[in-house]
Amino acid sequence: MPTDRIDFADLPDDVQGSVLARTGPLLSVETVSSGFNSAISARLTTEKGEVYVKGLPADHPRVWTQQREAAVGPYMSGISPRVHWHLRAGGWDLVAFDALDGRHADYAPGSEDLPLVAETLERLSGLRAPDGVELKEAGHRLREHAPDAVLVHFSGDTLCHTDPNPANIMVGQGRAWLVDWAWATRGVAWLDAGYWVVWLIAEGGHTPGSAEQWASRVPAFREAPEAGLNAFARANESVWTEIAEESPNPWTQAVHSAAKEWAAHRVRTA
């Protein structure tokens, strides 16, 4: 469910004071409208520069997602915005990142963003999951959507984002950045390219063949075993069947249809 958004000025005075102790005086504050999971989403301009701050009440059931982002942030230089600080004060949990100048990625066929996203996913596929951060295992996350015998295909030591939908990709200055690491996972190196296939179909209007061609720009996906890709496509179809049934709306139905389309394509080409 989307989280109600409030302005930075609506935070308790002591929380604002704790932020100002880190940023210095504010020159301007802009509430950011995109995104669904943050109660605070604001771009703060200070004499030292700009930071993007997102936050949730400390007792919010999804506050762990922010803690996960703050924990993995230091390991993703050049892939995601730098984490400046993680603050818990006055009943709030806030994380500050580099403020990006850019826009959400365009996944349509022919988009100039596609090579940039593929390049970022390739870099990510070579990033080892940090030992000091608690992460879900890909096989564990998908255990209810695939037979035990195929879960081994999803296991690995790569730090995976697992949600490369265009709202989580910012494009600017000739590169693509991954944001929102709430679902960071330890898994096989081709996993994010596999997730990208579904989003290219759902949000970009690609055919499964076209989507796989773009995903194949990531060497790990290109070298992935067919049995693993087939199992992953079926697991994604199961995941989105469940989501679409629990939260029926045009968006979930569109992604569900994309996952079904990819799974059917994998069956035909197997």
C-alpha atoms as a PDB file:
ATOM      1  CA  MET A   1       0.000   0.000   0.000  1.00  0.00           C
ATOM      2  CA  PRO A   2       1.262   3.530  -0.789  1.00  0.00           C
ATOM      3  CA  THR A   3       2.472   5.538   2.191  1.00  0.00           C
ATOM      4  CA  ASP A   4       0.954   8.958   2.891  1.00  0.00           C
ATOM      5  CA  ARG A   5       3.435  11.707   1.965  1.00  0.00           C
ATOM      6  CA  ILE A   6       4.087  14.718   4.206  1.00  0.00           C
ATOM      7  CA  ASP A   7       6.285  17.772   3.709  1.00  0.00           C
ATOM      8  CA  PHE A   8       9.650  18.109   5.393  1.00  0.00           C
ATOM      9  CA  ALA A   9       8.290  21.122   7.298  1.00  0.00           C
ATOM     10  CA  ASP A  10       5.678  18.850   8.899  1.00  0.00           C
ATOM     11  CA  LEU A  11       8.336  16.816  10.707  1.00  0.00           C
ATOM     12  CA  PRO A  12       8.673  17.472  14.460  1.00  0.00           C
ATOM     13  CA  ASP A  13      10.991  20.352  15.295  1.00  0.00           C
ATOM     14  CA  ASP A  14      13.533  18.096  16.995  1.00  0.00           C
ATOM     15  CA  VAL A  15      13.736  15.880  13.911  1.00  0.00           C
ATOM     16  CA  GLN A  16      14.252  18.876  11.640  1.00  0.00           C
ATOM     17  CA  GLY A  17      16.910  20.109  14.049  1.00  0.00           C
ATOM     18  CA  SER A  18      18.745  16.775  13.872  1.00  0.00           C
ATOM     19  CA  VAL A  19      18.761  17.007  10.073  1.00  0.00           C
ATOM     20  CA  LEU A  20      20.006  20.606  10.114  1.00  0.00           C
ATOM     21  CA  ALA A  21      22.829  19.559  12.427  1.00  0.00           C
ATOM     22  CA  ARG A  22      24.061  17.400   9.543  1.00  0.00           C
ATOM     23  CA  THR A  23      23.229  19.590   6.564  1.00  0.00           C
ATOM     24  CA  GLY A  24      23.623  23.122   7.842  1.00  0.00           C
ATOM     25  CA  PRO A  25      21.006  25.808   7.090  1.00  0.00           C
ATOM     26  CA  LEU A  26      18.545  24.988   4.305  1.00  0.00           C
ATOM     27  CA  LEU A  27      18.281  27.276   1.301  1.00  0.00           C
ATOM     28  CA  SER A  28      15.258  25.454  -0.141  1.00  0.00           C
ATOM     29  CA  VAL A  29      13.208  22.292   0.263  1.00  0.00           C
ATOM     30  CA  GLU A  30      11.357  20.491  -2.538  1.00  0.00           C
ATOM     31  CA  THR A  31       8.953  17.651  -1.798  1.00  0.00           C
ATOM     32  CA  VAL A  32       9.411  14.869  -4.370  1.00  0.00           C
ATOM     33  CA  SER A  33       6.129  13.396  -5.564  1.00  0.00           C
ATOM     34  CA  SER A  34       7.367  10.164  -7.168  1.00  0.00           C
ATOM     35  CA  GLY A  35       7.557   6.910  -5.261  1.00  0.00           C
ATOM     36  CA  PHE A  36       5.059   5.159  -3.004  1.00  0.00           C
ATOM     37  CA  ASN A  37       6.962   3.895   0.008  1.00  0.00           C
ATOM     38  CA  SER A  38       8.267   6.972   1.812  1.00  0.00           C
ATOM     39  CA  ALA A  39       6.432   9.351   4.117  1.00  0.00           C
ATOM     40  CA  ILE A  40       9.214  11.895   3.613  1.00  0.00           C
ATOM     41  CA  SER A  41      10.714  12.356   0.156  1.00  0.00           C
ATOM     42  CA  ALA A  42      12.479  15.681  -0.184  1.00  0.00           C
ATOM     43  CA  ARG A  43      15.342  17.386  -1.957  1.00  0.00           C
ATOM     44  CA  LEU A  44      17.205  19.680   0.419  1.00  0.00           C
ATOM     45  CA  THR A  45      19.398  22.469  -0.923  1.00  0.00           C
ATOM     46  CA  THR A  46      22.062  23.709   1.473  1.00  0.00           C
ATOM     47  CA  GLU A  47      25.159  25.864   1.296  1.00  0.00           C
ATOM     48  CA  LYS A  48      27.160  22.630   0.989  1.00  0.00           C
ATOM     49  CA  GLY A  49      25.085  21.274  -1.908  1.00  0.00           C
ATOM     50  CA  GLU A  50      21.973  19.129  -2.318  1.00  0.00           C
ATOM     51  CA  VAL A  51      20.847  15.900  -0.692  1.00  0.00           C
ATOM     52  CA  TYR A  52      17.797  13.727  -1.182  1.00  0.00           C
ATOM     53  CA  VAL A  53      16.178  12.599   2.065  1.00  0.00           C
ATOM     54  CA  LYS A  54      13.623   9.827   2.429  1.00  0.00           C
ATOM     55  CA  GLY A  55      12.028   8.742   5.660  1.00  0.00           C
ATOM     56  CA  LEU A  56       9.434   6.716   7.545  1.00  0.00           C
ATOM     57  CA  PRO A  57       8.135   6.738  11.109  1.00  0.00           C
ATOM     58  CA  ALA A  58      10.436   4.535  13.207  1.00  0.00           C
ATOM     59  CA  ASP A  59       7.516   2.217  14.034  1.00  0.00           C
ATOM     60  CA  HIS A  60       6.412   1.810  10.412  1.00  0.00           C
ATOM     61  CA  PRO A  61       6.235  -1.880   9.353  1.00  0.00           C
ATOM     62  CA  ARG A  62       8.480  -1.179   6.348  1.00  0.00           C
ATOM     63  CA  VAL A  63      11.133   0.827   8.160  1.00  0.00           C
ATOM     64  CA  TRP A  64      13.496  -2.117   7.689  1.00  0.00           C
ATOM     65  CA  THR A  65      13.634  -1.247   3.975  1.00  0.00           C
ATOM     66  CA  GLN A  66      15.368   2.026   4.764  1.00  0.00           C
ATOM     67  CA  GLN A  67      17.786   0.333   7.103  1.00  0.00           C
ATOM     68  CA  ARG A  68      18.597  -2.127   4.305  1.00  0.00           C
ATOM     69  CA  GLU A  69      19.267   0.749   1.888  1.00  0.00           C
ATOM     70  CA  ALA A  70      21.528   2.506   4.353  1.00  0.00           C
ATOM     71  CA  ALA A  71      23.442  -0.728   4.960  1.00  0.00           C
ATOM     72  CA  VAL A  72      24.131  -1.599   1.304  1.00  0.00           C
ATOM     73  CA  GLY A  73      24.717   1.976   0.148  1.00  0.00           C
ATOM     74  CA  PRO A  74      28.443   2.137   0.944  1.00  0.00           C
ATOM     75  CA  TYR A  75      29.115  -0.842  -1.338  1.00  0.00           C
ATOM     76  CA  MET A  76      27.612   0.587  -4.530  1.00  0.00           C
ATOM     77  CA  SER A  77      29.828   3.445  -5.626  1.00  0.00           C
ATOM     78  CA  GLY A  78      28.996   4.492  -9.174  1.00  0.00           C
ATOM     79  CA  ILE A  79      25.894   2.294  -9.341  1.00  0.00           C
ATOM     80  CA  SER A  80      23.636   4.120  -6.882  1.00  0.00           C
ATOM     81  CA  PRO A  81      23.607   7.534  -5.207  1.00  0.00           C
ATOM     82  CA  ARG A  82      26.026   7.813  -2.296  1.00  0.00           C
ATOM     83  CA  VAL A  83      24.536   7.502   1.198  1.00  0.00           C
ATOM     84  CA  HIS A  84      25.436  10.529   3.335  1.00  0.00           C
ATOM     85  CA  TRP A  85      23.884   9.532   6.655  1.00  0.00           C
ATOM     86  CA  HIS A  86      21.239   7.431   8.383  1.00  0.00           C
ATOM     87  CA  LEU A  87      19.413   9.146  11.223  1.00  0.00           C
ATOM     88  CA  ARG A  88      16.947   7.925  13.847  1.00  0.00           C
ATOM     89  CA  ALA A  89      15.475  10.775  15.894  1.00  0.00           C
ATOM     90  CA  GLY A  90      12.151  11.848  17.348  1.00  0.00           C
ATOM     91  CA  GLY A  91      10.329   8.721  16.204  1.00  0.00           C
ATOM     92  CA  TRP A  92      11.568   8.978  12.619  1.00  0.00           C
ATOM     93  CA  ASP A  93      14.032   7.053  10.476  1.00  0.00           C
ATOM     94  CA  LEU A  94      15.691   9.151   7.724  1.00  0.00           C
ATOM     95  CA  VAL A  95      18.338   8.383   5.100  1.00  0.00           C
ATOM     96  CA  ALA A  96      20.144  11.022   3.012  1.00  0.00           C
ATOM     97  CA  PHE A  97      21.609  10.356  -0.444  1.00  0.00           C
ATOM     98  CA  ASP A  98      23.300  12.320  -3.176  1.00  0.00           C
ATOM     99  CA  ALA A  99      20.600  14.258  -5.025  1.00  0.00           C
ATOM    100  CA  LEU A 100      20.506  13.185  -8.665  1.00  0.00           C
ATOM    101  CA  ASP A 101      19.697  15.433 -11.605  1.00  0.00           C
ATOM    102  CA  GLY A 102      17.850  13.170 -13.967  1.00  0.00           C
ATOM    103  CA  ARG A 103      14.608  11.435 -14.857  1.00  0.00           C
ATOM    104  CA  HIS A 104      13.137   7.968 -14.732  1.00  0.00           C
ATOM    105  CA  ALA A 105      14.292   5.609 -17.453  1.00  0.00           C
ATOM    106  CA  ASP A 106      12.395   5.142 -20.693  1.00  0.00           C
ATOM    107  CA  TYR A 107      12.150   1.442 -21.555  1.00  0.00           C
ATOM    108  CA  ALA A 108      10.492   1.839 -24.968  1.00  0.00           C
ATOM    109  CA  PRO A 109      12.134   0.155 -27.971  1.00  0.00           C
ATOM    110  CA  GLY A 110      14.685   2.527 -29.470  1.00  0.00           C
ATOM    111  CA  SER A 111      15.139   4.485 -26.251  1.00  0.00           C
ATOM    112  CA  GLU A 112      18.638   5.823 -25.734  1.00  0.00           C
ATOM    113  CA  ASP A 113      18.280   4.834 -22.071  1.00  0.00           C
ATOM    114  CA  LEU A 114      18.391   1.091 -22.763  1.00  0.00           C
ATOM    115  CA  PRO A 115      22.167   0.811 -23.345  1.00  0.00           C
ATOM    116  CA  LEU A 116      22.774   2.872 -20.199  1.00  0.00           C
ATOM    117  CA  VAL A 117      20.587   0.584 -18.098  1.00  0.00           C
ATOM    118  CA  ALA A 118      22.262  -2.497 -19.577  1.00  0.00           C
ATOM    119  CA  GLU A 119      25.666  -1.044 -18.694  1.00  0.00           C
ATOM    120  CA  THR A 120      24.614  -0.414 -15.095  1.00  0.00           C
ATOM    121  CA  LEU A 121      23.174  -3.917 -14.747  1.00  0.00           C
ATOM    122  CA  GLU A 122      26.404  -5.350 -16.130  1.00  0.00           C
ATOM    123  CA  ARG A 123      28.395  -3.470 -13.496  1.00  0.00           C
ATOM    124  CA  LEU A 124      26.018  -4.640 -10.803  1.00  0.00           C
ATOM    125  CA  SER A 125      26.314  -8.264 -11.949  1.00  0.00           C
ATOM    126  CA  GLY A 126      29.979  -8.139 -10.986  1.00  0.00           C
ATOM    127  CA  LEU A 127      29.378  -6.751  -7.492  1.00  0.00           C
ATOM    128  CA  ARG A 128      29.790  -9.248  -4.670  1.00  0.00           C
ATOM    129  CA  ALA A 129      27.211  -9.125  -1.884  1.00  0.00           C
ATOM    130  CA  PRO A 130      28.820  -7.697   1.274  1.00  0.00           C
ATOM    131  CA  ASP A 131      29.367 -10.170   4.094  1.00  0.00           C
ATOM    132  CA  GLY A 132      28.498  -7.673   6.805  1.00  0.00           C
ATOM    133  CA  VAL A 133      24.969  -6.930   5.614  1.00  0.00           C
ATOM    134  CA  GLU A 134      21.969  -9.163   6.322  1.00  0.00           C
ATOM    135  CA  LEU A 135      20.337 -10.009   2.981  1.00  0.00           C
ATOM    136  CA  LYS A 136      17.616 -12.354   1.838  1.00  0.00           C
ATOM    137  CA  GLU A 137      18.736 -15.215  -0.393  1.00  0.00           C
ATOM    138  CA  ALA A 138      17.164 -15.286  -3.870  1.00  0.00           C
ATOM    139  CA  GLY A 139      16.227 -18.946  -3.526  1.00  0.00           C
ATOM    140  CA  HIS A 140      14.578 -18.270  -0.184  1.00  0.00           C
ATOM    141  CA  ARG A 141      12.558 -15.373  -1.603  1.00  0.00           C
ATOM    142  CA  LEU A 142      11.294 -17.516  -4.482  1.00  0.00           C
ATOM    143  CA  ARG A 143      10.833 -20.748  -2.528  1.00  0.00           C
ATOM    144  CA  GLU A 144       7.025 -20.582  -2.693  1.00  0.00           C
ATOM    145  CA  HIS A 145       7.061 -20.000  -6.451  1.00  0.00           C
ATOM    146  CA  ALA A 146       9.430 -22.677  -7.720  1.00  0.00           C
ATOM    147  CA  PRO A 147      10.194 -26.349  -6.963  1.00  0.00           C
ATOM    148  CA  ASP A 148      13.009 -26.942  -4.489  1.00  0.00           C
ATOM    149  CA  ALA A 149      15.048 -28.653  -7.198  1.00  0.00           C
ATOM    150  CA  VAL A 150      15.419 -25.458  -9.271  1.00  0.00           C
ATOM    151  CA  LEU A 151      16.090 -22.955  -6.482  1.00  0.00           C
ATOM    152  CA  VAL A 152      19.809 -23.664  -6.796  1.00  0.00           C
ATOM    153  CA  HIS A 153      19.735 -21.822 -10.135  1.00  0.00           C
ATOM    154  CA  PHE A 154      18.984 -18.565  -8.310  1.00  0.00           C
ATOM    155  CA  SER A 155      21.704 -18.857  -5.667  1.00  0.00           C
ATOM    156  CA  GLY A 156      24.944 -16.905  -5.808  1.00  0.00           C
ATOM    157  CA  ASP A 157      27.129 -14.279  -4.151  1.00  0.00           C
ATOM    158  CA  THR A 158      26.086 -11.245  -6.207  1.00  0.00           C
ATOM    159  CA  LEU A 159      24.385  -8.203  -4.711  1.00  0.00           C
ATOM    160  CA  CYS A 160      21.073  -8.034  -6.586  1.00  0.00           C
ATOM    161  CA  HIS A 161      18.577  -5.160  -6.690  1.00  0.00           C
ATOM    162  CA  THR A 162      15.622  -7.342  -7.848  1.00  0.00           C
ATOM    163  CA  ASP A 163      13.293  -4.483  -8.837  1.00  0.00           C
ATOM    164  CA  PRO A 164      14.678  -2.674 -11.909  1.00  0.00           C
ATOM    165  CA  ASN A 165      11.356  -1.105 -12.869  1.00  0.00           C
ATOM    166  CA  PRO A 166      11.787   2.286 -14.592  1.00  0.00           C
ATOM    167  CA  ALA A 167      10.775   4.188 -11.451  1.00  0.00           C
ATOM    168  CA  ASN A 168      13.891   2.754  -9.780  1.00  0.00           C
ATOM    169  CA  ILE A 169      16.238   3.792 -12.586  1.00  0.00           C
ATOM    170  CA  MET A 170      17.354   7.420 -12.808  1.00  0.00           C
ATOM    171  CA  VAL A 171      19.014   8.567 -16.021  1.00  0.00           C
ATOM    172  CA  GLY A 172      21.152  11.680 -16.262  1.00  0.00           C
ATOM    173  CA  GLN A 173      24.577  12.904 -17.350  1.00  0.00           C
ATOM    174  CA  GLY A 174      25.003   9.984 -19.712  1.00  0.00           C
ATOM    175  CA  ARG A 175      24.460   7.186 -17.204  1.00  0.00           C
ATOM    176  CA  ALA A 176      21.806   5.206 -15.359  1.00  0.00           C
ATOM    177  CA  TRP A 177      21.584   4.899 -11.570  1.00  0.00           C
ATOM    178  CA  LEU A 178      19.740   2.263  -9.545  1.00  0.00           C
ATOM    179  CA  VAL A 179      17.755   3.644  -6.607  1.00  0.00           C
ATOM    180  CA  ASP A 180      15.526   2.153  -3.895  1.00  0.00           C
ATOM    181  CA  TRP A 181      17.356  -0.899  -2.562  1.00  0.00           C
ATOM    182  CA  ALA A 182      14.610  -2.076  -0.228  1.00  0.00           C
ATOM    183  CA  TRP A 183      14.654  -5.578  -1.751  1.00  0.00           C
ATOM    184  CA  ALA A 184      18.408  -6.036  -2.005  1.00  0.00           C
ATOM    185  CA  THR A 185      19.126  -9.758  -2.243  1.00  0.00           C
ATOM    186  CA  ARG A 186      22.030 -12.182  -2.468  1.00  0.00           C
ATOM    187  CA  GLY A 187      21.720 -14.188  -5.671  1.00  0.00           C
ATOM    188  CA  VAL A 188      23.070 -15.305  -9.013  1.00  0.00           C
ATOM    189  CA  ALA A 189      24.759 -12.698 -11.222  1.00  0.00           C
ATOM    190  CA  TRP A 190      22.133 -12.778 -14.013  1.00  0.00           C
ATOM    191  CA  LEU A 191      19.155 -12.234 -11.710  1.00  0.00           C
ATOM    192  CA  ASP A 192      18.628  -8.494 -12.261  1.00  0.00           C
ATOM    193  CA  ALA A 193      18.884  -8.849 -16.025  1.00  0.00           C
ATOM    194  CA  GLY A 194      16.171 -11.500 -15.730  1.00  0.00           C
ATOM    195  CA  TYR A 195      13.939  -9.184 -13.740  1.00  0.00           C
ATOM    196  CA  TRP A 196      14.620  -6.484 -16.345  1.00  0.00           C
ATOM    197  CA  VAL A 197      13.120  -8.700 -19.067  1.00  0.00           C
ATOM    198  CA  VAL A 198       9.707  -8.556 -17.388  1.00  0.00           C
ATOM    199  CA  TRP A 199       9.856  -4.774 -16.957  1.00  0.00           C
ATOM    200  CA  LEU A 200      10.933  -4.228 -20.567  1.00  0.00           C
ATOM    201  CA  ILE A 201       7.829  -6.112 -21.671  1.00  0.00           C
ATOM    202  CA  ALA A 202       5.486  -4.502 -19.136  1.00  0.00           C
ATOM    203  CA  GLU A 203       6.697  -0.888 -19.252  1.00  0.00           C
ATOM    204  CA  GLY A 204       8.471  -0.720 -22.597  1.00  0.00           C
ATOM    205  CA  GLY A 205       6.174  -2.760 -24.818  1.00  0.00           C
ATOM    206  CA  HIS A 206       8.975  -5.089 -25.916  1.00  0.00           C
ATOM    207  CA  THR A 207       8.380  -8.586 -27.194  1.00  0.00           C
ATOM    208  CA  PRO A 208       9.972 -11.280 -25.034  1.00  0.00           C
ATOM    209  CA  GLY A 209      12.572 -11.814 -27.744  1.00  0.00           C
ATOM    210  CA  SER A 210      13.486  -8.134 -27.853  1.00  0.00           C
ATOM    211  CA  ALA A 211      13.613  -7.942 -24.054  1.00  0.00           C
ATOM    212  CA  GLU A 212      15.941 -10.940 -23.896  1.00  0.00           C
ATOM    213  CA  GLN A 213      18.200  -9.371 -26.521  1.00  0.00           C
ATOM    214  CA  TRP A 214      18.640  -6.327 -24.297  1.00  0.00           C
ATOM    215  CA  ALA A 215      19.147  -8.461 -21.203  1.00  0.00           C
ATOM    216  CA  SER A 216      21.793 -10.419 -23.117  1.00  0.00           C
ATOM    217  CA  ARG A 217      23.955  -7.315 -23.157  1.00  0.00           C
ATOM    218  CA  VAL A 218      24.709  -8.371 -19.598  1.00  0.00           C
ATOM    219  CA  PRO A 219      27.222 -11.222 -20.053  1.00  0.00           C
ATOM    220  CA  ALA A 220      25.959 -13.084 -16.993  1.00  0.00           C
ATOM    221  CA  PHE A 221      22.485 -13.320 -18.542  1.00  0.00           C
ATOM    222  CA  ARG A 222      23.896 -14.309 -21.906  1.00  0.00           C
ATOM    223  CA  GLU A 223      25.779 -17.160 -20.229  1.00  0.00           C
ATOM    224  CA  ALA A 224      22.944 -18.237 -17.912  1.00  0.00           C
ATOM    225  CA  PRO A 225      21.761 -21.859 -18.215  1.00  0.00           C
ATOM    226  CA  GLU A 226      18.518 -22.285 -20.111  1.00  0.00           C
ATOM    227  CA  ALA A 227      17.098 -24.366 -17.285  1.00  0.00           C
ATOM    228  CA  GLY A 228      17.749 -21.510 -14.866  1.00  0.00           C
ATOM    229  CA  LEU A 229      16.109 -18.898 -17.092  1.00  0.00           C
ATOM    230  CA  ASN A 230      13.122 -21.152 -17.700  1.00  0.00           C
ATOM    231  CA  ALA A 231      12.678 -21.749 -13.975  1.00  0.00           C
ATOM    232  CA  PHE A 232      13.078 -18.050 -13.205  1.00  0.00           C
ATOM    233  CA  ALA A 233      10.496 -17.039 -15.813  1.00  0.00           C
ATOM    234  CA  ARG A 234       8.003 -19.511 -14.349  1.00  0.00           C
ATOM    235  CA  ALA A 235       8.729 -18.285 -10.823  1.00  0.00           C
ATOM    236  CA  ASN A 236       8.131 -14.673 -11.869  1.00  0.00           C
ATOM    237  CA  GLU A 237       4.825 -15.644 -13.432  1.00  0.00           C
ATOM    238  CA  SER A 238       3.828 -17.241 -10.129  1.00  0.00           C
ATOM    239  CA  VAL A 239       4.932 -14.186  -8.124  1.00  0.00           C
ATOM    240  CA  TRP A 240       2.921 -11.788 -10.259  1.00  0.00           C
ATOM    241  CA  THR A 241      -0.102 -14.073 -10.353  1.00  0.00           C
ATOM    242  CA  GLU A 242      -0.192 -13.815  -6.580  1.00  0.00           C
ATOM    243  CA  ILE A 243       0.372 -10.040  -6.577  1.00  0.00           C
ATOM    244  CA  ALA A 244      -2.310  -9.413  -9.211  1.00  0.00           C
ATOM    245  CA  GLU A 245      -4.814 -11.518  -7.281  1.00  0.00           C
ATOM    246  CA  GLU A 246      -4.087  -9.763  -3.990  1.00  0.00           C
ATOM    247  CA  SER A 247      -3.930  -6.233  -5.451  1.00  0.00           C
ATOM    248  CA  PRO A 248      -5.923  -6.181  -8.699  1.00  0.00           C
ATOM    249  CA  ASN A 249      -5.315  -2.941 -10.605  1.00  0.00           C
ATOM    250  CA  PRO A 250      -4.167  -2.017 -14.123  1.00  0.00           C
ATOM    251  CA  TRP A 251      -0.498  -1.813 -13.102  1.00  0.00           C
ATOM    252  CA  THR A 252      -0.280  -5.224 -11.425  1.00  0.00           C
ATOM    253  CA  GLN A 253      -2.310  -6.761 -14.252  1.00  0.00           C
ATOM    254  CA  ALA A 254       0.111  -5.329 -16.829  1.00  0.00           C
ATOM    255  CA  VAL A 255       3.175  -6.734 -15.070  1.00  0.00           C
ATOM    256  CA  HIS A 256       1.403 -10.050 -14.529  1.00  0.00           C
ATOM    257  CA  SER A 257       0.660 -10.235 -18.264  1.00  0.00           C
ATOM    258  CA  ALA A 258       4.297  -9.463 -19.040  1.00  0.00           C
ATOM    259  CA  ALA A 259       5.520 -12.217 -16.717  1.00  0.00           C
ATOM    260  CA  LYS A 260       3.086 -14.686 -18.305  1.00  0.00           C
ATOM    261  CA  GLU A 261       4.231 -13.655 -21.766  1.00  0.00           C
ATOM    262  CA  TRP A 262       7.885 -14.227 -20.918  1.00  0.00           C
ATOM    263  CA  ALA A 263       7.191 -17.601 -19.292  1.00  0.00           C
ATOM    264  CA  ALA A 264       5.244 -18.721 -22.368  1.00  0.00           C
ATOM    265  CA  HIS A 265       8.100 -17.549 -24.600  1.00  0.00           C
ATOM    266  CA  ARG A 266      10.587 -19.589 -22.581  1.00  0.00           C
ATOM    267  CA  VAL A 267       8.388 -22.679 -23.017  1.00  0.00           C
ATOM    268  CA  ARG A 268       8.199 -22.166 -26.799  1.00  0.00           C
ATOM    269  CA  THR A 269      11.950 -21.643 -27.190  1.00  0.00           C
ATOM    270  CA  ALA A 270      13.044 -24.384 -24.758  1.00  0.00           C
END
